[in-house]
Amino acid sequence: MAALGKATITCPGCSEPLDLTMRLDPGAKAGPGEIVLKVDRSIVDEHLAVAHRDPADS
């Protein structure tokens, strides 16, 4: 399914920017005229799997 939106957030631990992708959530209950987006967290999960360094060390 194609991405409907993108957003960039900053990791509060190391200040690295993370690009999030949002897609339609086909299983969500939406009212008339509403859509529900689901954030693909895989980039966040991958980022958190590695050790964070202190931003002062960079």
Protein backbone atom coordinates (compact mmCIF):
# COMPACT_ATOMS: atom_id res chain seq x y z
CA MET A 1 0.00 0.00 0.00
CA ALA A 2 1.31 3.44 -0.89
CA ALA A 3 2.34 5.88 1.81
CA LEU A 4 -0.20 8.62 2.50
CA GLY A 5 2.02 10.78 4.64
CA LYS A 6 5.48 11.21 6.02
CA ALA A 7 6.71 12.96 9.13
CA THR A 8 10.14 13.48 10.63
CA ILE A 9 10.59 13.25 14.38
CA THR A 10 13.72 13.65 16.47
CA CYS A 11 14.87 10.97 18.89
CA PRO A 12 14.90 12.56 22.36
CA GLY A 13 17.83 10.35 23.39
CA CYS A 14 20.33 11.11 20.62
CA SER A 15 18.72 13.87 18.51
CA GLU A 16 18.85 11.77 15.34
CA PRO A 17 16.02 12.52 12.90
CA LEU A 18 13.70 9.59 12.13
CA ASP A 19 11.46 9.56 9.05
CA LEU A 20 8.08 7.97 9.75
CA THR A 21 5.70 6.69 7.09
CA MET A 22 1.92 6.67 7.53
CA ARG A 23 -0.48 4.40 5.66
CA LEU A 24 -4.22 3.75 5.78
CA ASP A 25 -5.22 1.43 8.59
CA PRO A 26 -7.73 -0.93 6.95
CA GLY A 27 -8.73 -2.50 10.28
CA ALA A 28 -9.59 0.75 12.05
CA LYS A 29 -13.15 1.91 12.61
CA ALA A 30 -13.62 5.33 11.08
CA GLY A 31 -16.70 7.48 10.97
CA PRO A 32 -18.20 9.00 7.85
CA GLY A 33 -15.63 11.07 5.99
CA GLU A 34 -12.80 9.99 8.32
CA ILE A 35 -9.66 8.04 7.59
CA VAL A 36 -7.31 6.44 10.12
CA LEU A 37 -3.59 6.40 9.50
CA LYS A 38 -1.21 3.89 11.01
CA VAL A 39 2.43 4.82 11.60
CA ASP A 40 5.00 2.32 10.37
CA ARG A 41 7.14 1.94 13.51
CA SER A 42 9.82 -0.27 11.95
CA ILE A 43 12.31 2.62 11.66
CA VAL A 44 11.75 3.47 15.35
CA ASP A 45 12.14 -0.17 16.40
CA GLU A 46 15.39 -0.46 14.40
CA HIS A 47 16.69 2.78 15.87
CA LEU A 48 15.93 1.75 19.45
CA ALA A 49 17.59 -1.65 18.92
CA VAL A 50 21.04 -0.02 18.81
CA ALA A 51 22.75 1.68 21.72
CA HIS A 52 22.21 5.43 21.96
CA ARG A 53 25.11 7.77 22.41
CA ASP A 54 25.02 10.95 24.44
CA PRO A 55 24.49 13.95 22.10
CA ALA A 56 27.30 15.74 23.99
CA ASP A 57 29.74 13.07 22.73
CA SER A 58 29.13 13.87 19.05
